[in-house]
Structure formats: C-alpha cells, structure tokens
C-alpha cells in the first residue's frame, strides 16, 4: 500500500500515531488519542480509494489490511484494543466531557482504550438522559476536542524536553499530571508539603489535596 496517495493530514496523523506507540507508559490524551487518529486516517484513506462511505466490503478490507502491513507498529496493536480505541474515537466528544468530571485517580487509572471504553459505557448506562432544556450553549465538535488534546500533547512534549509547563487556563488535574510526570517522587513530596504549608488551607481541603497527591503518585508509579 503506497502512502504517497495519502493527503498531508492523513500522513501527519499516521506519523504522530507511530511516535505515540513508541512511548512507554501511554496516557489517554497524549498517546492513545493520537494513535486513534492514525487509525482513523488509515480508515479514511482506504475508504476514499475504494469510493465507499463505510469501512466495510472486500475492497476496503483488502486495502486496509495492506495499509496496516505497511505500518507494522499500528498493525501490532491488538485487534480488541484497536476496536475499543476506534469506538472511543467515534464518541470522543462525550468521552472528553466524561473524563473531565472524573476524579484525578480515575483519570490516571483509566488510560487504556479498553478501560476507557468499558468505564464510559458503564457511565452511560448509569446516567439518565437529560431532557433538552433549550440551552444555547454551542456543542463541542470532534475537531474542538482534538484541538484541545493537541494542546495537551504540545505541553507534554515540552515537559518531556525538560520544561515544566503549567497554565492557569488548564484544569487542576492537567497541571497536576504535568508536575507528576516532571519530578521524581522525593521532589513531588517536597512540593506537596510546601504547597500545604505555605497556604492557609481549611483542614478538609488539605486532606483532599493530600489524598489526591498520594493517588497521583501511586498511579504514576503503576504506569
């Protein structure tokens, strides 16, 4: 399968996916989402060259198989994991909104496509459908979510290069993840101690911060 027929966006997505697969300790936003984009780019390409609007049919299957063989890193992803990842990518907007409401411990623990998809489905089953109240809020699109995650990927890459990138526009969880992946455990403990000592925090807030710091450190070590 000749990649020369892929457009520039598809080629970039595949390249980013292969780079993400090479990293150890993959996270959902900075690694698995780009990998998912790579699979979607391959699927889109194979659909286009077979003049079909659906990823099925003998011609598509043959092209997709050939395309995967040309990208062994992507082909090596377990088929069950690949299916869960593509299911997640099809529901990326809802999943992004669901993950934003997770505890820090849950967001760090549920990083693999299978865990994300399984727990997202459980959340949907347990959450009643809310009636439309006529809200004028503009719904987020897949492109919006991907752009937001690209910002996190850029911050991650700067952190990997040795720069600690914190932003007042990022959530507390995202900033905490940047810190956790930037310092060794002794330095993390020192930072938490300094933050709690230097701030006049209510006892309950202090307790919650300590619990989240411990959960973050445990989840980071487990990856």
Protein backbone atom coordinates (compact mmCIF):
# COMPACT_ATOMS: atom_id res chain seq x y z
CA UNK A 1 0.00 0.00 0.00
CA UNK A 2 1.63 3.25 -1.18
CA UNK A 3 1.32 6.11 1.35
CA UNK A 4 2.05 8.62 -1.40
CA UNK A 5 -1.67 8.64 -2.14
CA UNK A 6 -2.48 9.80 1.40
CA UNK A 7 -3.06 13.51 1.91
CA UNK A 8 -0.87 15.62 4.22
CA UNK A 9 -3.28 15.49 7.17
CA UNK A 10 -3.53 11.70 6.98
CA UNK A 11 0.26 11.34 6.74
CA UNK A 12 0.75 13.62 9.76
CA UNK A 13 -1.82 11.65 11.79
CA UNK A 14 -0.11 8.33 10.98
CA UNK A 15 3.31 9.74 11.84
CA UNK A 16 2.04 11.05 15.19
CA UNK A 17 0.41 7.68 15.91
CA UNK A 18 3.62 5.76 15.28
CA UNK A 19 5.51 8.18 17.52
CA UNK A 20 2.97 7.75 20.31
CA UNK A 21 3.16 3.95 20.06
CA UNK A 22 6.90 4.12 20.72
CA UNK A 23 6.41 5.83 24.09
CA UNK A 24 6.27 3.88 27.35
CA UNK A 25 3.50 4.42 29.91
CA UNK A 26 0.87 5.70 27.49
CA UNK A 27 -1.74 8.18 28.66
CA UNK A 28 -5.16 8.63 27.08
CA UNK A 29 -4.93 12.25 25.90
CA UNK A 30 -1.30 12.44 24.83
CA UNK A 31 -0.82 8.96 23.38
CA UNK A 32 -3.93 6.88 22.71
CA UNK A 33 -5.94 9.69 21.10
CA UNK A 34 -3.17 10.40 18.55
CA UNK A 35 -2.91 6.65 17.91
CA UNK A 36 -6.65 6.59 17.33
CA UNK A 37 -6.31 9.48 14.88
CA UNK A 38 -3.73 7.43 13.00
CA UNK A 39 -6.14 4.53 12.63
CA UNK A 40 -8.91 6.90 11.55
CA UNK A 41 -6.59 8.40 8.92
CA UNK A 42 -5.86 4.93 7.54
CA UNK A 43 -9.53 4.06 7.53
CA UNK A 44 -10.45 7.32 5.78
CA UNK A 45 -7.74 6.76 3.18
CA UNK A 46 -8.86 3.21 2.41
CA UNK A 47 -12.50 4.29 2.18
CA UNK A 48 -11.57 7.08 -0.21
CA UNK A 49 -9.55 4.94 -2.61
CA UNK A 50 -12.38 2.37 -2.67
CA UNK A 51 -15.05 5.03 -3.23
CA UNK A 52 -17.10 3.93 -0.23
CA UNK A 53 -18.72 5.78 2.65
CA UNK A 54 -18.43 2.89 5.09
CA UNK A 55 -15.40 0.93 6.39
CA UNK A 56 -16.55 -2.42 5.07
CA UNK A 57 -16.57 -4.53 1.93
CA UNK A 58 -13.97 -6.77 0.30
CA UNK A 59 -12.19 -3.91 -1.47
CA UNK A 60 -11.94 -1.84 1.69
CA UNK A 61 -10.83 -4.80 3.82
CA UNK A 62 -8.11 -5.70 1.33
CA UNK A 63 -6.85 -2.10 1.20
CA UNK A 64 -6.94 -1.69 4.97
CA UNK A 65 -5.06 -4.93 5.50
CA UNK A 66 -2.40 -3.82 3.01
CA UNK A 67 -2.18 -0.40 4.65
CA UNK A 68 -1.72 -1.95 8.10
CA UNK A 69 1.04 -4.23 6.80
CA UNK A 70 2.84 -1.09 5.66
CA UNK A 71 2.68 0.24 9.24
CA UNK A 72 3.83 -2.62 11.49
CA UNK A 73 3.67 -0.51 14.68
CA UNK A 74 -0.05 0.08 14.14
CA UNK A 75 -0.63 -3.47 12.94
CA UNK A 76 0.89 -4.76 16.19
CA UNK A 77 -1.90 -3.17 18.25
CA UNK A 78 -4.19 -5.94 19.50
CA UNK A 79 -7.42 -6.12 17.47
CA UNK A 80 -9.59 -5.90 20.61
CA UNK A 81 -7.67 -2.81 21.74
CA UNK A 82 -7.94 -1.36 18.24
CA UNK A 83 -11.72 -1.85 18.18
CA UNK A 84 -12.14 -0.25 21.62
CA UNK A 85 -9.96 2.65 20.52
CA UNK A 86 -11.99 3.25 17.36
CA UNK A 87 -15.23 3.04 19.39
CA UNK A 88 -13.77 5.70 21.69
CA UNK A 89 -12.76 7.91 18.77
CA UNK A 90 -16.31 7.75 17.43
CA UNK A 91 -17.53 9.03 20.81
CA UNK A 92 -14.60 11.32 21.57
CA UNK A 93 -16.69 14.38 22.47
CA UNK A 94 -18.79 12.57 25.09
CA UNK A 95 -15.73 10.75 26.42
CA UNK A 96 -13.79 14.01 26.78
CA UNK A 97 -16.65 15.56 28.76
CA UNK A 98 -16.99 12.44 30.92
CA UNK A 99 -13.25 12.33 31.69
CA UNK A 100 -13.28 15.99 32.71
CA UNK A 101 -15.64 15.03 35.56
CA UNK A 102 -13.58 12.07 36.75
CA UNK A 103 -11.51 12.17 39.92
CA UNK A 104 -7.79 12.58 39.38
CA UNK A 105 -7.29 8.93 40.39
CA UNK A 106 -9.86 7.72 37.86
CA UNK A 107 -8.48 9.84 35.04
CA UNK A 108 -4.99 8.46 35.59
CA UNK A 109 -6.06 4.84 36.15
CA UNK A 110 -8.38 4.59 33.12
CA UNK A 111 -5.96 5.26 30.31
CA UNK A 112 -6.06 2.22 28.03
CA UNK A 113 -8.70 2.11 25.26
CA UNK A 114 -10.38 -0.94 26.79
CA UNK A 115 -10.61 0.66 30.24
CA UNK A 116 -11.82 3.97 28.82
CA UNK A 117 -14.48 2.34 26.65
CA UNK A 118 -15.67 -0.08 29.34
CA UNK A 119 -15.99 2.57 32.04
CA UNK A 120 -17.52 5.12 29.65
CA UNK A 121 -20.21 2.59 28.68
CA UNK A 122 -20.89 1.87 32.35
CA UNK A 123 -21.21 5.60 32.98
CA UNK A 124 -23.72 5.99 30.13
CA UNK A 125 -25.85 3.13 31.42
CA UNK A 126 -25.87 4.58 34.93
CA UNK A 127 -26.57 8.17 33.87
CA UNK A 128 -30.16 9.10 32.96
CA UNK A 129 -30.64 11.01 29.72
CA UNK A 130 -31.25 14.67 30.48
CA UNK A 131 -34.02 16.41 28.53
CA UNK A 132 -33.02 19.27 26.27
CA UNK A 133 -33.79 22.46 28.20
CA UNK A 134 -33.21 24.72 25.23
CA UNK A 135 -29.71 25.74 26.27
CA UNK A 136 -27.99 27.98 23.78
CA UNK A 137 -24.53 26.63 24.62
CA UNK A 138 -22.67 25.68 21.45
CA UNK A 139 -21.91 21.95 21.49
CA UNK A 140 -18.30 20.87 21.16
CA UNK A 141 -17.29 19.06 18.00
CA UNK A 142 -14.74 16.32 17.42
CA UNK A 143 -12.40 18.91 15.94
CA UNK A 144 -12.75 21.05 19.09
CA UNK A 145 -11.81 18.11 21.31
CA UNK A 146 -8.88 17.08 19.11
CA UNK A 147 -7.54 20.65 19.17
CA UNK A 148 -7.82 20.75 22.97
CA UNK A 149 -5.95 17.46 23.24
CA UNK A 150 -3.30 18.68 20.81
CA UNK A 151 -2.62 21.47 23.29
CA UNK A 152 -2.07 18.84 25.98
CA UNK A 153 0.24 16.90 23.66
CA UNK A 154 2.28 20.05 22.99
CA UNK A 155 2.58 20.67 26.73
CA UNK A 156 3.58 17.03 27.28
CA UNK A 157 6.30 17.26 24.64
CA UNK A 158 7.69 20.42 26.23
CA UNK A 159 7.67 18.67 29.59
CA UNK A 160 9.48 15.66 28.09
CA UNK A 161 12.10 18.05 26.76
CA UNK A 162 12.74 19.30 30.30
CA UNK A 163 10.35 22.25 30.56
CA UNK A 164 7.58 22.24 33.17
CA UNK A 165 4.58 23.86 31.50
CA UNK A 166 1.76 24.94 33.80
CA UNK A 167 -1.14 27.11 32.78
CA UNK A 168 -3.87 28.93 34.67
CA UNK A 169 -6.14 28.01 31.75
CA UNK A 170 -5.61 24.26 32.33
CA UNK A 171 -7.55 22.24 34.88
CA UNK A 172 -6.00 21.39 38.23
CA UNK A 173 -5.85 17.76 37.08
CA UNK A 174 -3.92 18.61 33.92
CA UNK A 175 -1.44 20.76 35.83
CA UNK A 176 -1.06 18.01 38.43
CA UNK A 177 -0.30 15.48 35.67
CA UNK A 178 2.38 17.78 34.26
CA UNK A 179 4.01 18.04 37.69
CA UNK A 180 3.78 14.30 38.39
CA UNK A 181 5.50 13.43 35.09
CA UNK A 182 8.18 16.08 35.61
CA UNK A 183 9.61 15.24 39.03
CA UNK A 184 10.82 12.22 40.96
CA UNK A 185 8.78 11.14 44.00
CA UNK A 186 11.00 12.85 46.65
CA UNK A 187 10.64 16.17 44.82
CA UNK A 188 6.88 15.63 44.49
CA UNK A 189 6.54 15.07 48.24
CA UNK A 190 8.55 18.22 48.90
CA UNK A 191 6.36 20.24 46.52
CA UNK A 192 3.13 18.99 48.15
CA UNK A 193 4.49 19.79 51.61
CA UNK A 194 5.49 23.32 50.57
CA UNK A 195 2.13 24.00 48.95
CA UNK A 196 0.20 22.85 52.00
CA UNK A 197 2.45 24.65 54.49
CA UNK A 198 2.61 27.92 52.56
CA UNK A 199 -1.15 28.11 52.04
CA UNK A 200 -3.66 28.70 54.82
CA UNK A 201 -6.00 25.94 53.70
CA UNK A 202 -9.05 24.57 55.52
CA UNK A 203 -8.46 21.14 57.08
CA UNK A 204 -10.84 19.37 54.66
CA UNK A 205 -9.18 20.95 51.61
CA UNK A 206 -5.77 19.94 52.92
CA UNK A 207 -6.94 16.37 53.45
CA UNK A 208 -8.32 16.17 49.90
CA UNK A 209 -5.12 17.57 48.44
CA UNK A 210 -3.04 15.03 50.32
CA UNK A 211 -5.27 12.17 49.15
CA UNK A 212 -5.14 13.29 45.53
CA UNK A 213 -1.37 13.75 45.70
CA UNK A 214 -0.94 10.21 47.05
CA UNK A 215 -3.31 8.78 44.41
CA UNK A 216 -1.48 10.63 41.64
CA UNK A 217 1.90 9.36 42.80
CA UNK A 218 0.63 5.76 43.08
CA UNK A 219 -0.99 5.84 39.63
CA UNK A 220 2.12 7.40 38.09
CA UNK A 221 4.36 4.68 39.56
CA UNK A 222 1.98 1.96 38.32
CA UNK A 223 2.23 3.09 34.68
